[in-house]
Amino acid sequence: MPDAAYEAAVAQLDADLAGLVERRRHAGPAPAVEVDPRELAIRLTELWDDLTVIEKRNLLRPLIHRVRILKPARQGKGVWRDRVDVIPAWGPAAG
């Protein structure tokens, strides 16, 4: 790559970065979006097989208030189901 082309590319990237920094400085916070968790859950089940892991995680985040891991009550296969307590966003927030 010729030096002139490299320097022009660096100058363009620096200008782009400066513009983005300025836009960010003047930008306000994004407005909060209310999500009906039940509607989201229904839609999620329809799309589940076509979603990536990241998309699933982002869709599940507003549905789940907390996940608690409990001490095992028994030994054996399937014990993890007894240890995971998922508290939904629309339910009472248990402490």
Protein backbone atom coordinates (compact mmCIF):
# COMPACT_ATOMS: atom_id res chain seq x y z
CA MET A 1 0.00 0.00 0.00
CA PRO A 2 1.47 3.37 -0.92
CA ASP A 3 2.19 5.77 1.93
CA ALA A 4 -0.24 8.35 0.55
CA ALA A 5 -3.11 5.83 0.50
CA TYR A 6 -2.29 4.70 4.04
CA GLU A 7 -2.17 8.27 5.34
CA ALA A 8 -5.45 9.11 3.60
CA ALA A 9 -7.12 6.06 5.13
CA VAL A 10 -5.84 6.95 8.61
CA ALA A 11 -7.02 10.55 8.20
CA GLN A 12 -10.47 9.35 7.11
CA LEU A 13 -10.74 6.94 10.05
CA ASP A 14 -9.63 9.66 12.49
CA ALA A 15 -12.26 12.02 11.07
CA ASP A 16 -14.95 9.34 11.31
CA LEU A 17 -13.97 8.60 14.91
CA ALA A 18 -14.04 12.28 15.86
CA GLY A 19 -17.51 12.62 14.34
CA LEU A 20 -18.79 9.58 16.23
CA VAL A 21 -17.32 10.80 19.51
CA GLU A 22 -19.05 14.14 19.01
CA ARG A 23 -22.38 12.46 18.22
CA ARG A 24 -22.07 10.29 21.31
CA ARG A 25 -21.33 13.31 23.48
CA HIS A 26 -24.57 15.00 22.38
CA ALA A 27 -26.73 11.88 22.34
CA GLY A 28 -29.23 11.33 25.11
CA PRO A 29 -30.02 8.03 26.74
CA ALA A 30 -32.15 5.61 24.78
CA PRO A 31 -35.77 5.65 25.91
CA ALA A 32 -36.86 2.71 28.02
CA VAL A 33 -39.00 0.25 26.12
CA GLU A 34 -41.77 -1.50 28.00
CA VAL A 35 -41.91 -5.20 27.19
CA ASP A 36 -44.89 -7.41 27.93
CA PRO A 37 -43.04 -10.50 29.15
CA ARG A 38 -45.89 -12.88 28.37
CA GLU A 39 -46.14 -11.73 24.75
CA LEU A 40 -42.38 -11.98 24.43
CA ALA A 41 -42.44 -15.54 25.82
CA ILE A 42 -45.07 -16.60 23.29
CA ARG A 43 -43.12 -15.07 20.41
CA LEU A 44 -39.91 -16.62 21.71
CA THR A 45 -41.33 -20.14 21.59
CA GLU A 46 -42.38 -19.56 17.97
CA LEU A 47 -38.89 -18.43 16.93
CA TRP A 48 -36.67 -20.52 19.25
CA ASP A 49 -35.26 -22.93 16.65
CA ASP A 50 -34.27 -20.10 14.29
CA LEU A 51 -32.52 -17.87 16.86
CA THR A 52 -28.83 -17.68 17.69
CA VAL A 53 -27.61 -18.09 21.27
CA ILE A 54 -27.05 -14.34 21.59
CA GLU A 55 -30.55 -13.59 20.30
CA LYS A 56 -32.03 -16.09 22.76
CA ARG A 57 -30.08 -14.53 25.62
CA ASN A 58 -31.21 -11.02 24.69
CA LEU A 59 -34.84 -12.13 24.44
CA LEU A 60 -34.74 -14.05 27.73
CA ARG A 61 -33.15 -11.20 29.69
CA PRO A 62 -36.38 -9.18 30.18
CA LEU A 63 -38.32 -12.35 31.04
CA ILE A 64 -36.15 -13.52 33.93
CA HIS A 65 -35.85 -11.57 37.16
CA ARG A 66 -33.43 -13.97 38.84
CA VAL A 67 -32.08 -17.51 38.64
CA ARG A 68 -31.28 -19.10 41.98
CA ILE A 69 -29.13 -22.21 42.34
CA LEU A 70 -30.17 -24.24 45.37
CA LYS A 71 -28.39 -26.95 47.32
CA PRO A 72 -29.15 -30.42 45.96
CA ALA A 73 -31.92 -32.21 47.86
CA ARG A 74 -30.94 -35.59 46.43
CA GLN A 75 -28.30 -37.39 44.40
CA GLY A 76 -28.80 -38.76 40.93
CA LYS A 77 -29.80 -38.09 37.38
CA GLY A 78 -31.85 -34.96 36.67
CA VAL A 79 -30.92 -33.37 39.99
CA TRP A 80 -30.16 -30.06 38.30
CA ARG A 81 -33.89 -29.51 37.72
CA ASP A 82 -34.39 -29.53 41.49
CA ARG A 83 -31.55 -27.04 42.00
CA VAL A 84 -32.54 -24.32 39.53
CA ASP A 85 -35.21 -21.83 40.58
CA VAL A 86 -36.13 -19.35 37.83
CA ILE A 87 -38.01 -16.28 39.04
CA PRO A 88 -39.91 -14.65 36.16
CA ALA A 89 -39.98 -10.89 35.65
CA TRP A 90 -43.75 -10.73 36.02
CA GLY A 91 -43.86 -12.70 39.27
CA PRO A 92 -43.17 -11.50 42.80
CA ALA A 93 -39.50 -10.67 43.30
CA ALA A 94 -38.49 -13.18 45.93
CA GLY A 95 -35.48 -12.27 48.01
